[in-house]
Amino acid sequence: MATLRRFRKRPDKAVTAIKLALDTEGLRYRKWGGNQHGQPGDWLVDNAGDIYTVAADVFARTYRQVSPGRFIKSTPVWARRTEHAGTLKTREGESHFAAGDYLVFNQPDETDGYCMAAERFHAMYEPDNSE
């Protein structure tokens, strides 16, 4: 199994986001090979054309606003490259990944995770050697 390493979002990779501050039962959608669900109060994120939801508490803890409607991920992530295809259970649903993709976690204990294709991961993240 690949080693888990610490990374930071590149400072020029801000996202556009709006809070789902609506009277709704949530948002159901299909993405990453599985069914996803955003809750009322979650954030709808446009990450360079990749659209998805982020849980309200995770967004509040990991993003900071840089201008109206624009946010940057301000906390580190921990990631490892996969050796085999598989499925990752996420807060929003279930995501499928291919061999060579990255599993990315907001916590060093490999919780609160998501998956990304290697090319996209390297375009957005850089090693964080500030530990």
C-alpha atoms as a PDB file:
ATOM      1  CA  MET A   1       0.000   0.000   0.000  1.00  0.00           C
ATOM      2  CA  ALA A   2       1.289   3.456  -0.899  1.00  0.00           C
ATOM      3  CA  THR A   3       2.438   5.773   1.868  1.00  0.00           C
ATOM      4  CA  LEU A   4       0.071   8.483   3.078  1.00  0.00           C
ATOM      5  CA  ARG A   5       1.614  11.932   2.495  1.00  0.00           C
ATOM      6  CA  ARG A   6       0.598  15.471   3.460  1.00  0.00           C
ATOM      7  CA  PHE A   7      -0.333  17.974   0.710  1.00  0.00           C
ATOM      8  CA  ARG A   8      -1.706  21.520   0.414  1.00  0.00           C
ATOM      9  CA  LYS A   9      -4.001  22.952  -2.217  1.00  0.00           C
ATOM     10  CA  ARG A  10      -2.090  25.186  -4.615  1.00  0.00           C
ATOM     11  CA  PRO A  11      -2.838  28.834  -3.694  1.00  0.00           C
ATOM     12  CA  ASP A  12      -4.060  29.690  -7.202  1.00  0.00           C
ATOM     13  CA  LYS A  13      -6.736  26.936  -7.148  1.00  0.00           C
ATOM     14  CA  ALA A  14      -9.700  28.721  -5.562  1.00  0.00           C
ATOM     15  CA  VAL A  15     -13.200  27.291  -6.012  1.00  0.00           C
ATOM     16  CA  THR A  16     -16.559  28.976  -6.474  1.00  0.00           C
ATOM     17  CA  ALA A  17     -19.115  27.905  -3.873  1.00  0.00           C
ATOM     18  CA  ILE A  18     -22.606  28.718  -2.644  1.00  0.00           C
ATOM     19  CA  LYS A  19     -24.310  27.471   0.494  1.00  0.00           C
ATOM     20  CA  LEU A  20     -27.470  25.394  -0.009  1.00  0.00           C
ATOM     21  CA  ALA A  21     -29.368  27.727   2.329  1.00  0.00           C
ATOM     22  CA  LEU A  22     -32.757  26.613   1.051  1.00  0.00           C
ATOM     23  CA  ASP A  23     -35.764  24.891   2.566  1.00  0.00           C
ATOM     24  CA  THR A  24     -35.047  21.540   0.923  1.00  0.00           C
ATOM     25  CA  GLU A  25     -34.676  17.870   1.722  1.00  0.00           C
ATOM     26  CA  GLY A  26     -31.265  18.024   0.088  1.00  0.00           C
ATOM     27  CA  LEU A  27     -29.755  17.452  -3.302  1.00  0.00           C
ATOM     28  CA  ARG A  28     -29.436  13.984  -4.832  1.00  0.00           C
ATOM     29  CA  TYR A  29     -27.096  13.476  -7.758  1.00  0.00           C
ATOM     30  CA  ARG A  30     -24.957  10.892  -9.483  1.00  0.00           C
ATOM     31  CA  LYS A  31     -21.179  11.387  -9.583  1.00  0.00           C
ATOM     32  CA  TRP A  32     -17.956   9.376  -9.256  1.00  0.00           C
ATOM     33  CA  GLY A  33     -19.817   6.194 -10.208  1.00  0.00           C
ATOM     34  CA  GLY A  34     -22.282   6.371  -7.309  1.00  0.00           C
ATOM     35  CA  ASN A  35     -25.260   8.168  -5.814  1.00  0.00           C
ATOM     36  CA  GLN A  36     -24.415  11.299  -3.812  1.00  0.00           C
ATOM     37  CA  HIS A  37     -26.489  13.378  -1.417  1.00  0.00           C
ATOM     38  CA  GLY A  38     -25.996  16.966  -0.273  1.00  0.00           C
ATOM     39  CA  GLN A  39     -27.801  18.104   2.868  1.00  0.00           C
ATOM     40  CA  PRO A  40     -29.483  21.470   3.507  1.00  0.00           C
ATOM     41  CA  GLY A  41     -26.706  23.878   4.572  1.00  0.00           C
ATOM     42  CA  ASP A  42     -24.002  22.039   2.604  1.00  0.00           C
ATOM     43  CA  TRP A  43     -22.011  23.873  -0.050  1.00  0.00           C
ATOM     44  CA  LEU A  44     -22.296  23.439  -3.821  1.00  0.00           C
ATOM     45  CA  VAL A  45     -18.739  23.743  -5.159  1.00  0.00           C
ATOM     46  CA  ASP A  46     -17.473  24.425  -8.690  1.00  0.00           C
ATOM     47  CA  ASN A  47     -13.855  23.284  -8.692  1.00  0.00           C
ATOM     48  CA  ALA A  48     -12.606  24.190 -12.194  1.00  0.00           C
ATOM     49  CA  GLY A  49     -15.728  22.669 -13.768  1.00  0.00           C
ATOM     50  CA  ASP A  50     -15.974  19.711 -11.402  1.00  0.00           C
ATOM     51  CA  ILE A  51     -19.256  20.286  -9.527  1.00  0.00           C
ATOM     52  CA  TYR A  52     -20.049  18.566  -6.205  1.00  0.00           C
ATOM     53  CA  THR A  53     -21.295  19.186  -2.666  1.00  0.00           C
ATOM     54  CA  VAL A  54     -19.233  19.544   0.508  1.00  0.00           C
ATOM     55  CA  ALA A  55     -20.744  18.977   3.960  1.00  0.00           C
ATOM     56  CA  ALA A  56     -21.329  22.237   5.856  1.00  0.00           C
ATOM     57  CA  ASP A  57     -19.060  21.370   8.794  1.00  0.00           C
ATOM     58  CA  VAL A  58     -16.239  20.181   6.522  1.00  0.00           C
ATOM     59  CA  PHE A  59     -16.473  23.321   4.373  1.00  0.00           C
ATOM     60  CA  ALA A  60     -16.408  25.587   7.453  1.00  0.00           C
ATOM     61  CA  ARG A  61     -13.370  23.761   8.844  1.00  0.00           C
ATOM     62  CA  THR A  62     -11.310  23.433   5.649  1.00  0.00           C
ATOM     63  CA  TYR A  63     -12.054  26.473   3.425  1.00  0.00           C
ATOM     64  CA  ARG A  64     -11.591  30.227   3.794  1.00  0.00           C
ATOM     65  CA  GLN A  65     -13.135  32.956   1.673  1.00  0.00           C
ATOM     66  CA  VAL A  66     -10.747  34.912  -0.587  1.00  0.00           C
ATOM     67  CA  SER A  67     -13.389  37.058  -2.347  1.00  0.00           C
ATOM     68  CA  PRO A  68     -17.190  36.994  -2.687  1.00  0.00           C
ATOM     69  CA  GLY A  69     -18.159  33.465  -3.722  1.00  0.00           C
ATOM     70  CA  ARG A  70     -14.520  32.324  -4.019  1.00  0.00           C
ATOM     71  CA  PHE A  71     -12.830  30.059  -1.497  1.00  0.00           C
ATOM     72  CA  ILE A  72      -9.506  28.273  -1.082  1.00  0.00           C
ATOM     73  CA  LYS A  73      -8.937  25.060   0.805  1.00  0.00           C
ATOM     74  CA  SER A  74      -6.805  26.294   3.689  1.00  0.00           C
ATOM     75  CA  THR A  75      -6.073  23.095   5.571  1.00  0.00           C
ATOM     76  CA  PRO A  76      -3.733  20.281   4.538  1.00  0.00           C
ATOM     77  CA  VAL A  77      -4.906  16.952   3.170  1.00  0.00           C
ATOM     78  CA  TRP A  78      -3.346  13.504   3.372  1.00  0.00           C
ATOM     79  CA  ALA A  79      -3.258  11.413   0.222  1.00  0.00           C
ATOM     80  CA  ARG A  80      -1.960   8.203  -1.254  1.00  0.00           C
ATOM     81  CA  ARG A  81      -1.962   6.771  -4.738  1.00  0.00           C
ATOM     82  CA  THR A  82      -4.052   3.643  -5.244  1.00  0.00           C
ATOM     83  CA  GLU A  83      -2.614   0.399  -6.571  1.00  0.00           C
ATOM     84  CA  HIS A  84      -5.966  -1.172  -7.463  1.00  0.00           C
ATOM     85  CA  ALA A  85      -9.431   0.007  -8.473  1.00  0.00           C
ATOM     86  CA  GLY A  86     -12.022   0.152  -5.719  1.00  0.00           C
ATOM     87  CA  THR A  87     -14.746   2.040  -3.912  1.00  0.00           C
ATOM     88  CA  LEU A  88     -14.499   4.651  -1.165  1.00  0.00           C
ATOM     89  CA  LYS A  89     -17.405   5.399   1.162  1.00  0.00           C
ATOM     90  CA  THR A  90     -17.717   9.181   1.511  1.00  0.00           C
ATOM     91  CA  ARG A  91     -19.964  11.472   3.556  1.00  0.00           C
ATOM     92  CA  GLU A  92     -21.962  12.231   0.416  1.00  0.00           C
ATOM     93  CA  GLY A  93     -22.192   8.674  -0.886  1.00  0.00           C
ATOM     94  CA  GLU A  94     -19.907   6.217  -2.599  1.00  0.00           C
ATOM     95  CA  SER A  95     -17.091   6.988  -5.050  1.00  0.00           C
ATOM     96  CA  HIS A  96     -15.319   4.617  -7.398  1.00  0.00           C
ATOM     97  CA  PHE A  97     -11.640   4.971  -8.262  1.00  0.00           C
ATOM     98  CA  ALA A  98      -9.224   3.392 -10.734  1.00  0.00           C
ATOM     99  CA  ALA A  99      -5.727   2.075 -10.126  1.00  0.00           C
ATOM    100  CA  GLY A 100      -3.367   5.063 -10.020  1.00  0.00           C
ATOM    101  CA  ASP A 101      -5.980   7.532  -8.715  1.00  0.00           C
ATOM    102  CA  TYR A 102      -5.468   9.279  -5.390  1.00  0.00           C
ATOM    103  CA  LEU A 103      -7.419   8.777  -2.183  1.00  0.00           C
ATOM    104  CA  VAL A 104      -7.467  12.151  -0.423  1.00  0.00           C
ATOM    105  CA  PHE A 105      -8.430  12.658   3.226  1.00  0.00           C
ATOM    106  CA  ASN A 106      -9.139  15.750   5.309  1.00  0.00           C
ATOM    107  CA  GLN A 107      -7.799  13.921   8.370  1.00  0.00           C
ATOM    108  CA  PRO A 108      -4.515  12.016   8.829  1.00  0.00           C
ATOM    109  CA  ASP A 109      -6.454   8.996  10.165  1.00  0.00           C
ATOM    110  CA  GLU A 110      -7.841   8.489   6.621  1.00  0.00           C
ATOM    111  CA  THR A 111     -11.350   9.743   7.422  1.00  0.00           C
ATOM    112  CA  ASP A 112     -13.480  12.238   5.520  1.00  0.00           C
ATOM    113  CA  GLY A 113     -12.074  11.154   2.172  1.00  0.00           C
ATOM    114  CA  TYR A 114     -12.639  11.468  -1.544  1.00  0.00           C
ATOM    115  CA  CYS A 115     -10.866  10.254  -4.682  1.00  0.00           C
ATOM    116  CA  MET A 116      -9.261  12.060  -7.606  1.00  0.00           C
ATOM    117  CA  ALA A 117      -7.582  11.127 -10.862  1.00  0.00           C
ATOM    118  CA  ALA A 118      -3.793  11.488 -10.580  1.00  0.00           C
ATOM    119  CA  GLU A 119      -3.500  14.233 -13.220  1.00  0.00           C
ATOM    120  CA  ARG A 120      -6.154  16.365 -11.527  1.00  0.00           C
ATOM    121  CA  PHE A 121      -4.659  15.738  -8.080  1.00  0.00           C
ATOM    122  CA  HIS A 122      -1.181  16.910  -9.152  1.00  0.00           C
ATOM    123  CA  ALA A 123      -2.644  19.996 -10.849  1.00  0.00           C
ATOM    124  CA  MET A 124      -4.398  21.032  -7.618  1.00  0.00           C
ATOM    125  CA  TYR A 125      -2.129  19.897  -4.788  1.00  0.00           C
ATOM    126  CA  GLU A 126       1.523  20.200  -3.878  1.00  0.00           C
ATOM    127  CA  PRO A 127       3.536  18.439  -1.155  1.00  0.00           C
ATOM    128  CA  ASP A 128       3.280  20.168   2.232  1.00  0.00           C
ATOM    129  CA  ASN A 129       6.626  20.046   3.991  1.00  0.00           C
ATOM    130  CA  SER A 130       5.645  22.471   6.766  1.00  0.00           C
ATOM    131  CA  GLU A 131       5.169  19.739   9.376  1.00  0.00           C
END
